[in-house]
Amino acid sequence: MASFTWVGTEDLRQRYAEVEDDMVGLDKWLDFVESIMSSEDHRGVLAEFIRVLQKLPDRILATPRLFVSHRMDDIDYGERIAWLASRKAGLDYWLDAHDPVLVYNTYAIPKTDPRYPFIIAGIIEMALLNCTHVIAAHTPARIASSKWIPSQWIPYEFGRAKSRAVFSTRAAGWFHPCVRPPESRGEYVLLADVCAPPVLVSSGQSDQAVKHWLRHQGYPRSPKKTYLGSGTPSALPDVC
């Protein structure tokens, strides 16, 4: 999604310099960059940035954008959802693994720099602010013998991106077939749409459940959008 990818400069202030789509919070971002570079209280700067963003009125964006939330180990599921959004539903999306700054560290700020994690968190906050929809991938441990470790980010991202209504059709969760019932991931998941077919009828059912949600978000069918990954990701699993 062009609004959130910038690879031509090392200047954080220029991250959104060539945004052609509508967006929110550019002036707040510039203030954040100036503060994070000049202050030693990085945690305080980020907290103030989030506080300011939370005070902004509800987003009014002409461009529907999907924030894809996932556990670090499950990027392949996140990429499949992003592919379905862009190629099958005509939606722009933001996925951390497709943001060149997060992938290639475009700004040349080493990960050992104390500012690094706060800058990344600020980038994620801007993506959350400028997305109209969110879908979270709820998945089990990759290895059956391993203990499932909950993501600290998914509940936060889910709550920040969904609308302020108690129940929001702009938010959804896709649940791996091994994650049953959905509320085992926390009752909060029931405050949004659940993409978890209870009984397998045919192959491709997980993909179909996600596509059905993506295509019924109140927007006219759009042309296919650019998918920023390489190749076509494997389909979402249908069986545990």
C-alpha atoms as a PDB file:
ATOM      1  CA  MET A   1       0.000   0.000   0.000  1.00  0.00           C
ATOM      2  CA  ALA A   2       1.735   3.153  -1.223  1.00  0.00           C
ATOM      3  CA  SER A   3       0.612   5.229   1.735  1.00  0.00           C
ATOM      4  CA  PHE A   4       2.737   3.198   4.109  1.00  0.00           C
ATOM      5  CA  THR A   5       5.787   2.235   2.069  1.00  0.00           C
ATOM      6  CA  TRP A   6       8.670   4.584   1.503  1.00  0.00           C
ATOM      7  CA  VAL A   7      12.083   3.411   0.375  1.00  0.00           C
ATOM      8  CA  GLY A   8      13.637   6.508  -1.209  1.00  0.00           C
ATOM      9  CA  THR A   9      14.915   8.351   1.867  1.00  0.00           C
ATOM     10  CA  GLU A  10      16.497   7.798   5.249  1.00  0.00           C
ATOM     11  CA  ASP A  11      14.621  10.786   6.654  1.00  0.00           C
ATOM     12  CA  LEU A  12      11.733   9.657   8.865  1.00  0.00           C
ATOM     13  CA  ARG A  13       9.988  12.967   8.236  1.00  0.00           C
ATOM     14  CA  GLN A  14       9.669  12.050   4.561  1.00  0.00           C
ATOM     15  CA  ARG A  15       8.012   8.673   5.162  1.00  0.00           C
ATOM     16  CA  TYR A  16       4.618   9.901   3.943  1.00  0.00           C
ATOM     17  CA  ALA A  17       5.892  12.668   1.668  1.00  0.00           C
ATOM     18  CA  GLU A  18       4.465  11.144  -1.517  1.00  0.00           C
ATOM     19  CA  VAL A  19       1.174   9.853  -0.163  1.00  0.00           C
ATOM     20  CA  GLU A  20      -1.447  10.188  -2.848  1.00  0.00           C
ATOM     21  CA  ASP A  21      -4.308   8.600  -0.922  1.00  0.00           C
ATOM     22  CA  ASP A  22      -6.123  10.270   1.920  1.00  0.00           C
ATOM     23  CA  MET A  23      -4.566   9.824   5.338  1.00  0.00           C
ATOM     24  CA  VAL A  24      -4.824  11.059   8.904  1.00  0.00           C
ATOM     25  CA  GLY A  25      -2.241  12.284  11.389  1.00  0.00           C
ATOM     26  CA  LEU A  26       0.629  13.504   9.182  1.00  0.00           C
ATOM     27  CA  ASP A  27       1.254  16.568  11.372  1.00  0.00           C
ATOM     28  CA  LYS A  28       1.216  14.357  14.484  1.00  0.00           C
ATOM     29  CA  TRP A  29       3.755  12.046  12.855  1.00  0.00           C
ATOM     30  CA  LEU A  30       6.118  14.946  12.138  1.00  0.00           C
ATOM     31  CA  ASP A  31       5.876  16.090  15.756  1.00  0.00           C
ATOM     32  CA  PHE A  32       6.589  12.534  16.903  1.00  0.00           C
ATOM     33  CA  VAL A  33       9.701  12.246  14.721  1.00  0.00           C
ATOM     34  CA  GLU A  34      11.100  15.544  15.943  1.00  0.00           C
ATOM     35  CA  SER A  35      10.497  14.551  19.562  1.00  0.00           C
ATOM     36  CA  ILE A  36      11.828  10.984  19.324  1.00  0.00           C
ATOM     37  CA  MET A  37      15.066  12.251  17.766  1.00  0.00           C
ATOM     38  CA  SER A  38      15.685  15.007  20.298  1.00  0.00           C
ATOM     39  CA  SER A  39      14.405  13.531  23.565  1.00  0.00           C
ATOM     40  CA  GLU A  40      15.921  10.833  25.737  1.00  0.00           C
ATOM     41  CA  ASP A  41      12.484   9.941  27.132  1.00  0.00           C
ATOM     42  CA  HIS A  42      11.530   7.708  24.201  1.00  0.00           C
ATOM     43  CA  ARG A  43       8.820   5.883  26.122  1.00  0.00           C
ATOM     44  CA  GLY A  44       7.239   9.165  27.151  1.00  0.00           C
ATOM     45  CA  VAL A  45       7.338  10.486  23.590  1.00  0.00           C
ATOM     46  CA  LEU A  46       5.574   7.368  22.274  1.00  0.00           C
ATOM     47  CA  ALA A  47       2.964   7.528  25.037  1.00  0.00           C
ATOM     48  CA  GLU A  48       2.223  11.153  24.187  1.00  0.00           C
ATOM     49  CA  PHE A  49       2.005  10.304  20.475  1.00  0.00           C
ATOM     50  CA  ILE A  50      -0.546   7.565  21.183  1.00  0.00           C
ATOM     51  CA  ARG A  51      -2.487   9.868  23.515  1.00  0.00           C
ATOM     52  CA  VAL A  52      -2.703  12.538  20.806  1.00  0.00           C
ATOM     53  CA  LEU A  53      -3.800  10.017  18.178  1.00  0.00           C
ATOM     54  CA  GLN A  54      -6.505   8.661  20.480  1.00  0.00           C
ATOM     55  CA  LYS A  55      -7.961  12.153  20.794  1.00  0.00           C
ATOM     56  CA  LEU A  56      -8.415  12.507  17.036  1.00  0.00           C
ATOM     57  CA  PRO A  57     -12.014  12.169  15.791  1.00  0.00           C
ATOM     58  CA  ASP A  58     -13.153   8.950  14.141  1.00  0.00           C
ATOM     59  CA  ARG A  59     -11.364   8.303  10.875  1.00  0.00           C
ATOM     60  CA  ILE A  60     -13.058   9.554   7.723  1.00  0.00           C
ATOM     61  CA  LEU A  61     -11.154   7.901   4.900  1.00  0.00           C
ATOM     62  CA  ALA A  62     -12.240   7.534   1.301  1.00  0.00           C
ATOM     63  CA  THR A  63      -9.845   4.636   0.775  1.00  0.00           C
ATOM     64  CA  PRO A  64     -10.731   1.339   2.500  1.00  0.00           C
ATOM     65  CA  ARG A  65      -7.586  -0.184   3.984  1.00  0.00           C
ATOM     66  CA  LEU A  66      -7.142  -3.430   5.874  1.00  0.00           C
ATOM     67  CA  PHE A  67      -4.739  -3.887   8.776  1.00  0.00           C
ATOM     68  CA  VAL A  68      -3.589  -7.519   8.956  1.00  0.00           C
ATOM     69  CA  SER A  69      -2.657  -8.586  12.485  1.00  0.00           C
ATOM     70  CA  HIS A  70      -0.790 -11.849  13.119  1.00  0.00           C
ATOM     71  CA  ARG A  71       1.678 -13.629  15.379  1.00  0.00           C
ATOM     72  CA  MET A  72       5.315 -13.328  14.334  1.00  0.00           C
ATOM     73  CA  ASP A  73       5.536 -17.028  13.493  1.00  0.00           C
ATOM     74  CA  ASP A  74       2.479 -16.913  11.245  1.00  0.00           C
ATOM     75  CA  ILE A  75       3.478 -14.461   8.554  1.00  0.00           C
ATOM     76  CA  ASP A  76       2.450 -16.950   5.830  1.00  0.00           C
ATOM     77  CA  TYR A  77      -1.168 -16.759   7.026  1.00  0.00           C
ATOM     78  CA  GLY A  78      -0.941 -12.970   7.184  1.00  0.00           C
ATOM     79  CA  GLU A  79       0.358 -12.878   3.634  1.00  0.00           C
ATOM     80  CA  ARG A  80      -2.459 -15.106   2.381  1.00  0.00           C
ATOM     81  CA  ILE A  81      -5.038 -12.793   3.970  1.00  0.00           C
ATOM     82  CA  ALA A  82      -3.294  -9.773   2.420  1.00  0.00           C
ATOM     83  CA  TRP A  83      -3.321 -11.529  -0.974  1.00  0.00           C
ATOM     84  CA  LEU A  84      -7.039 -12.289  -0.657  1.00  0.00           C
ATOM     85  CA  ALA A  85      -7.705  -8.667   0.300  1.00  0.00           C
ATOM     86  CA  SER A  86      -5.780  -7.145  -2.580  1.00  0.00           C
ATOM     87  CA  ARG A  87      -6.336  -9.654  -5.388  1.00  0.00           C
ATOM     88  CA  LYS A  88      -9.815 -10.966  -4.584  1.00  0.00           C
ATOM     89  CA  ALA A  89     -11.538  -8.069  -2.802  1.00  0.00           C
ATOM     90  CA  GLY A  90      -9.801  -4.989  -4.237  1.00  0.00           C
ATOM     91  CA  LEU A  91      -8.702  -3.669  -0.832  1.00  0.00           C
ATOM     92  CA  ASP A  92      -5.485  -1.906   0.056  1.00  0.00           C
ATOM     93  CA  TYR A  93      -3.799  -3.423   3.085  1.00  0.00           C
ATOM     94  CA  TRP A  94      -0.994  -2.915   5.588  1.00  0.00           C
ATOM     95  CA  LEU A  95       1.078  -5.892   6.684  1.00  0.00           C
ATOM     96  CA  ASP A  96       4.237  -5.418   8.726  1.00  0.00           C
ATOM     97  CA  ALA A  97       6.240  -7.888   6.633  1.00  0.00           C
ATOM     98  CA  HIS A  98       5.484  -5.873   3.489  1.00  0.00           C
ATOM     99  CA  ASP A  99       6.613  -2.542   4.898  1.00  0.00           C
ATOM    100  CA  PRO A 100      10.176  -2.074   3.614  1.00  0.00           C
ATOM    101  CA  VAL A 101      11.121   0.009   6.642  1.00  0.00           C
ATOM    102  CA  LEU A 102      10.311  -2.829   9.011  1.00  0.00           C
ATOM    103  CA  VAL A 103      11.828  -5.459   6.705  1.00  0.00           C
ATOM    104  CA  TYR A 104      14.981  -3.744   5.446  1.00  0.00           C
ATOM    105  CA  ASN A 105      15.428  -1.052   8.116  1.00  0.00           C
ATOM    106  CA  THR A 106      15.409   1.609   5.410  1.00  0.00           C
ATOM    107  CA  TYR A 107      16.122   4.395   7.856  1.00  0.00           C
ATOM    108  CA  ALA A 108      19.488   2.908   8.785  1.00  0.00           C
ATOM    109  CA  ILE A 109      18.714   3.061  12.491  1.00  0.00           C
ATOM    110  CA  PRO A 110      20.305  -0.040  14.036  1.00  0.00           C
ATOM    111  CA  LYS A 111      18.130  -2.302  16.129  1.00  0.00           C
ATOM    112  CA  THR A 112      20.491  -1.668  19.019  1.00  0.00           C
ATOM    113  CA  ASP A 113      19.582   2.038  18.977  1.00  0.00           C
ATOM    114  CA  PRO A 114      17.280   2.730  21.982  1.00  0.00           C
ATOM    115  CA  ARG A 115      14.962   4.694  19.689  1.00  0.00           C
ATOM    116  CA  TYR A 116      14.422   1.780  17.304  1.00  0.00           C
ATOM    117  CA  PRO A 117      11.526  -0.067  19.018  1.00  0.00           C
ATOM    118  CA  PHE A 118       9.689   3.198  19.662  1.00  0.00           C
ATOM    119  CA  ILE A 119      10.003   4.275  16.026  1.00  0.00           C
ATOM    120  CA  ILE A 120       8.634   0.900  14.905  1.00  0.00           C
ATOM    121  CA  ALA A 121       5.755   1.260  17.372  1.00  0.00           C
ATOM    122  CA  GLY A 122       5.056   4.736  15.980  1.00  0.00           C
ATOM    123  CA  ILE A 123       4.951   3.352  12.432  1.00  0.00           C
ATOM    124  CA  ILE A 124       2.467   0.692  13.514  1.00  0.00           C
ATOM    125  CA  GLU A 125       0.325   3.346  15.215  1.00  0.00           C
ATOM    126  CA  MET A 126       0.160   5.336  11.968  1.00  0.00           C
ATOM    127  CA  ALA A 127      -0.866   2.214  10.067  1.00  0.00           C
ATOM    128  CA  LEU A 128      -3.592   1.476  12.624  1.00  0.00           C
ATOM    129  CA  LEU A 129      -4.838   5.045  12.428  1.00  0.00           C
ATOM    130  CA  ASN A 130      -5.040   4.963   8.639  1.00  0.00           C
ATOM    131  CA  CYS A 131      -6.749   1.606   8.218  1.00  0.00           C
ATOM    132  CA  THR A 132     -10.528   1.343   8.124  1.00  0.00           C
ATOM    133  CA  HIS A 133     -10.668  -2.403   8.816  1.00  0.00           C
ATOM    134  CA  VAL A 134      -8.714  -4.992  10.771  1.00  0.00           C
ATOM    135  CA  ILE A 135      -8.506  -8.764  10.625  1.00  0.00           C
ATOM    136  CA  ALA A 136      -6.511 -10.871  13.068  1.00  0.00           C
ATOM    137  CA  ALA A 137      -5.144 -14.354  12.411  1.00  0.00           C
ATOM    138  CA  HIS A 138      -5.665 -16.512  15.510  1.00  0.00           C
ATOM    139  CA  THR A 139      -3.416 -19.543  15.298  1.00  0.00           C
ATOM    140  CA  PRO A 140      -2.074 -22.441  17.414  1.00  0.00           C
ATOM    141  CA  ALA A 141       1.525 -23.303  18.190  1.00  0.00           C
ATOM    142  CA  ARG A 142       3.394 -24.339  15.046  1.00  0.00           C
ATOM    143  CA  ILE A 143       4.648 -27.593  16.614  1.00  0.00           C
ATOM    144  CA  ALA A 144       2.130 -29.786  18.406  1.00  0.00           C
ATOM    145  CA  SER A 145       4.481 -30.367  21.336  1.00  0.00           C
ATOM    146  CA  SER A 146       5.169 -26.650  21.777  1.00  0.00           C
ATOM    147  CA  LYS A 147       3.351 -24.407  24.202  1.00  0.00           C
ATOM    148  CA  TRP A 148       1.172 -21.802  22.540  1.00  0.00           C
ATOM    149  CA  ILE A 149       2.417 -18.312  23.379  1.00  0.00           C
ATOM    150  CA  PRO A 150      -0.194 -15.565  22.971  1.00  0.00           C
ATOM    151  CA  SER A 151       0.636 -12.516  20.903  1.00  0.00           C
ATOM    152  CA  GLN A 152       0.925  -9.310  22.878  1.00  0.00           C
ATOM    153  CA  TRP A 153       0.164  -7.279  19.764  1.00  0.00           C
ATOM    154  CA  ILE A 154      -2.986  -8.902  18.350  1.00  0.00           C
ATOM    155  CA  PRO A 155      -5.437  -7.801  21.088  1.00  0.00           C
ATOM    156  CA  TYR A 156      -3.925  -4.303  21.071  1.00  0.00           C
ATOM    157  CA  GLU A 157      -4.007  -3.905  17.291  1.00  0.00           C
ATOM    158  CA  PHE A 158      -7.506  -5.333  17.153  1.00  0.00           C
ATOM    159  CA  GLY A 159      -8.791  -2.862  19.715  1.00  0.00           C
ATOM    160  CA  ARG A 160      -7.017   0.156  18.218  1.00  0.00           C
ATOM    161  CA  ALA A 161      -8.158  -0.427  14.647  1.00  0.00           C
ATOM    162  CA  LYS A 162     -11.779  -1.475  15.189  1.00  0.00           C
ATOM    163  CA  SER A 163     -14.480   1.186  15.334  1.00  0.00           C
ATOM    164  CA  ARG A 164     -15.623   2.490  18.704  1.00  0.00           C
ATOM    165  CA  ALA A 165     -18.893   0.581  18.484  1.00  0.00           C
ATOM    166  CA  VAL A 166     -19.091  -2.356  20.901  1.00  0.00           C
ATOM    167  CA  PHE A 167     -19.632  -4.775  18.020  1.00  0.00           C
ATOM    168  CA  SER A 168     -17.911  -3.882  14.780  1.00  0.00           C
ATOM    169  CA  THR A 169     -18.337  -5.462  11.371  1.00  0.00           C
ATOM    170  CA  ARG A 170     -15.176  -3.584  10.344  1.00  0.00           C
ATOM    171  CA  ALA A 171     -13.192  -6.009  12.484  1.00  0.00           C
ATOM    172  CA  ALA A 172     -12.866  -9.745  12.084  1.00  0.00           C
ATOM    173  CA  GLY A 173     -10.829 -12.715  13.178  1.00  0.00           C
ATOM    174  CA  TRP A 174      -9.777 -15.692  11.105  1.00  0.00           C
ATOM    175  CA  PHE A 175      -9.382 -18.771  13.284  1.00  0.00           C
ATOM    176  CA  HIS A 176      -7.121 -21.645  12.376  1.00  0.00           C
ATOM    177  CA  PRO A 177      -9.055 -24.973  12.388  1.00  0.00           C
ATOM    178  CA  CYS A 178      -7.081 -26.026  15.481  1.00  0.00           C
ATOM    179  CA  VAL A 179      -8.382 -23.007  17.410  1.00  0.00           C
ATOM    180  CA  ARG A 180     -11.827 -24.040  18.637  1.00  0.00           C
ATOM    181  CA  PRO A 181     -13.916 -22.511  19.974  1.00  0.00           C
ATOM    182  CA  PRO A 182     -12.930 -18.995  18.831  1.00  0.00           C
ATOM    183  CA  GLU A 183     -13.554 -17.508  22.277  1.00  0.00           C
ATOM    184  CA  SER A 184     -10.731 -19.673  23.605  1.00  0.00           C
ATOM    185  CA  ARG A 185      -8.544 -16.806  22.420  1.00  0.00           C
ATOM    186  CA  GLY A 186     -10.465 -14.407  24.641  1.00  0.00           C
ATOM    187  CA  GLU A 187     -14.078 -13.272  24.713  1.00  0.00           C
ATOM    188  CA  TYR A 188     -13.100 -10.011  23.018  1.00  0.00           C
ATOM    189  CA  VAL A 189     -12.960 -11.840  19.667  1.00  0.00           C
ATOM    190  CA  LEU A 190     -16.764 -12.146  19.738  1.00  0.00           C
ATOM    191  CA  LEU A 191     -17.051  -8.344  19.467  1.00  0.00           C
ATOM    192  CA  ALA A 192     -16.202  -8.695  15.773  1.00  0.00           C
ATOM    193  CA  ASP A 193     -17.025 -10.996  12.879  1.00  0.00           C
ATOM    194  CA  VAL A 194     -15.720 -14.538  13.194  1.00  0.00           C
ATOM    195  CA  CYS A 195     -14.281 -16.238  10.114  1.00  0.00           C
ATOM    196  CA  ALA A 196     -14.312 -19.800  11.394  1.00  0.00           C
ATOM    197  CA  PRO A 197     -16.563 -22.270   9.526  1.00  0.00           C
ATOM    198  CA  PRO A 198     -17.677 -24.814  12.167  1.00  0.00           C
ATOM    199  CA  VAL A 199     -17.785 -27.825   9.848  1.00  0.00           C
ATOM    200  CA  LEU A 200     -15.589 -28.539   6.859  1.00  0.00           C
ATOM    201  CA  VAL A 201     -17.733 -28.883   3.739  1.00  0.00           C
ATOM    202  CA  SER A 202     -15.148 -28.538   1.009  1.00  0.00           C
ATOM    203  CA  SER A 203     -11.541 -27.543   0.510  1.00  0.00           C
ATOM    204  CA  GLY A 204     -10.880 -23.822   0.400  1.00  0.00           C
ATOM    205  CA  GLN A 205     -13.448 -23.107   3.084  1.00  0.00           C
ATOM    206  CA  SER A 206     -11.118 -20.952   5.194  1.00  0.00           C
ATOM    207  CA  ASP A 207     -10.248 -18.841   2.166  1.00  0.00           C
ATOM    208  CA  GLN A 208     -13.930 -18.510   1.305  1.00  0.00           C
ATOM    209  CA  ALA A 209     -14.822 -17.373   4.817  1.00  0.00           C
ATOM    210  CA  VAL A 210     -12.218 -14.606   4.713  1.00  0.00           C
ATOM    211  CA  LYS A 211     -13.170 -13.560   1.164  1.00  0.00           C
ATOM    212  CA  HIS A 212     -16.846 -13.408   2.151  1.00  0.00           C
ATOM    213  CA  TRP A 213     -16.033 -10.996   4.967  1.00  0.00           C
ATOM    214  CA  LEU A 214     -13.684  -8.907   2.826  1.00  0.00           C
ATOM    215  CA  ARG A 215     -16.261  -8.526   0.066  1.00  0.00           C
ATOM    216  CA  HIS A 216     -19.082  -7.407   2.370  1.00  0.00           C
ATOM    217  CA  GLN A 217     -17.646  -4.338   4.010  1.00  0.00           C
ATOM    218  CA  GLY A 218     -20.018  -1.781   2.511  1.00  0.00           C
ATOM    219  CA  TYR A 219     -17.686  -0.674  -0.296  1.00  0.00           C
ATOM    220  CA  PRO A 220     -18.288  -1.080  -4.029  1.00  0.00           C
ATOM    221  CA  ARG A 221     -16.267  -3.845  -5.616  1.00  0.00           C
ATOM    222  CA  SER A 222     -12.895  -2.353  -6.489  1.00  0.00           C
ATOM    223  CA  PRO A 223     -10.359  -3.372  -9.140  1.00  0.00           C
ATOM    224  CA  LYS A 224      -7.590  -5.666  -7.998  1.00  0.00           C
ATOM    225  CA  LYS A 225      -4.957  -3.919  -5.907  1.00  0.00           C
ATOM    226  CA  THR A 226      -1.226  -4.503  -5.793  1.00  0.00           C
ATOM    227  CA  TYR A 227       0.021  -7.367  -3.668  1.00  0.00           C
ATOM    228  CA  LEU A 228       3.465  -6.507  -2.323  1.00  0.00           C
ATOM    229  CA  GLY A 229       4.650 -10.037  -1.622  1.00  0.00           C
ATOM    230  CA  SER A 230       6.329 -12.477  -3.976  1.00  0.00           C
ATOM    231  CA  GLY A 231       4.251 -15.162  -5.648  1.00  0.00           C
ATOM    232  CA  THR A 232       0.884 -16.460  -4.496  1.00  0.00           C
ATOM    233  CA  PRO A 233       0.782 -17.556  -0.854  1.00  0.00           C
ATOM    234  CA  SER A 234      -0.595 -21.003  -0.014  1.00  0.00           C
ATOM    235  CA  ALA A 235      -4.281 -21.221   0.872  1.00  0.00           C
ATOM    236  CA  LEU A 236      -5.357 -20.943   4.485  1.00  0.00           C
ATOM    237  CA  PRO A 237      -5.631 -24.395   6.110  1.00  0.00           C
ATOM    238  CA  ASP A 238      -9.029 -26.081   6.348  1.00  0.00           C
ATOM    239  CA  VAL A 239      -8.193 -28.898   8.742  1.00  0.00           C
ATOM    240  CA  CYS A 240      -6.358 -29.092  12.018  1.00  0.00           C
END
